[in-house]
Amino acid sequence: MQRSISVVIPVYNGALSIGEVVRQLHEALPSLAERFEIVLVEDDGRDNSWDVIQQLAAQYPATVRGFKMARNFGQHNALLCGLRAATGDIIITMDDDLQHPVDQIPLLLTELDKGFDVVYGTPQREEHNRLRALASQITKLALQSTMGAETARNISAFRALRRHIVAASNDYHGPTVVLDSLLTWGTRRFSAVKVRHDPRTLGASNYTFRKLLNYAANMVTSFSIVPLRIASVLGFGMTLFGVGVLIYVLVRYLFEGSPPGFPFLASIIALFGGAQLLALGIIGEYLARMHLRTMGRPSYVIRETTAPPEGESPK
């Protein structure tokens, strides 16, 4: 079994559960890899997660590495930090809340061994409420523009990927990170397997309907030009509609001797005005992204680390 595994876990208010996750990983990973490490990235939460991570690093000095963000950058930014720090040939990403069962990791590895570069652990059954499920579907629809429909339907925070895929986005340093879109820069060999996702028993979910919608908007405007194409099609459609209205007005004037009334004209003006504002808003979103990129804002900043000295290999 000549392979090494890095498990990357973003931690946000996960003090109650992260210790149990690490314990379970230490029971499972020795039978799955010759060497392994666990990379914990604390995203500046409101509890004592960093204290717990430091204790775990002291308890497992050869296998646990911890990184603390300078502020809350977001889950995907924390994941990117962990992926770049990982040293294993294969990287597993999972949540800190025990919803991703450790005993399902072999299913991901078996599928990865079939020649894929990224494998998602798609839940057999969604555990979210209807509003959260709706927001998740909107997010997946947004991802279709960069990943393709079939792959986007199967995305999950429970992933297995090959480390060389991360190198494709090493030069990316923007403030908005959508990991699944960045993975498409290095491969199109995606797959997914159905795995068990356990219900959350400790703490509360940090993703809300509003956060997921904001995430979907960032995803589309930062990693896709589909909205710009929609604006172009909308403008072209409105032009054709305007030509049709002009013909209608001229024909009515020639045959009836009077143009349409004010309500008709007012509704047409409102329609065209709304279409123009929508197109300008979409263009403005892209200009804002360009502005943020030119400012040079980093994807993340590390405040503190428990990582071993440079060059030290994981167990």
Foldseek 3Di string as FASTA:
>chain_A
DAWEEEEEEEDAPLQPFQVVVVVQCVVPVVVVHVFYAYEYEYQAYDDVNVVSLVVVCVVVVQHYKYFYFPHRLDDQLSVLVRLVVDDTQKYWYDYRQCQDPPVCVVVQVVVVVVPFFKEAAAEPDDPDDPLVVVLLVLLLVLCCQQQNNVQSVRHDRGMMGGSVLSVLCPVDFFSQDDPVSSSSSRDNRYYYDHDHGDDGDDDDDPDDSVNSNVNSVCSNLVRHCVLLVVLVVLVVVLVVVVVVLVVVQVVCCVVVVDGDDDVVVVVNVVVVVVSVVSNVVSVVSNVVSVVRVVVRHGNTHTDDMSHDPPPRDHD
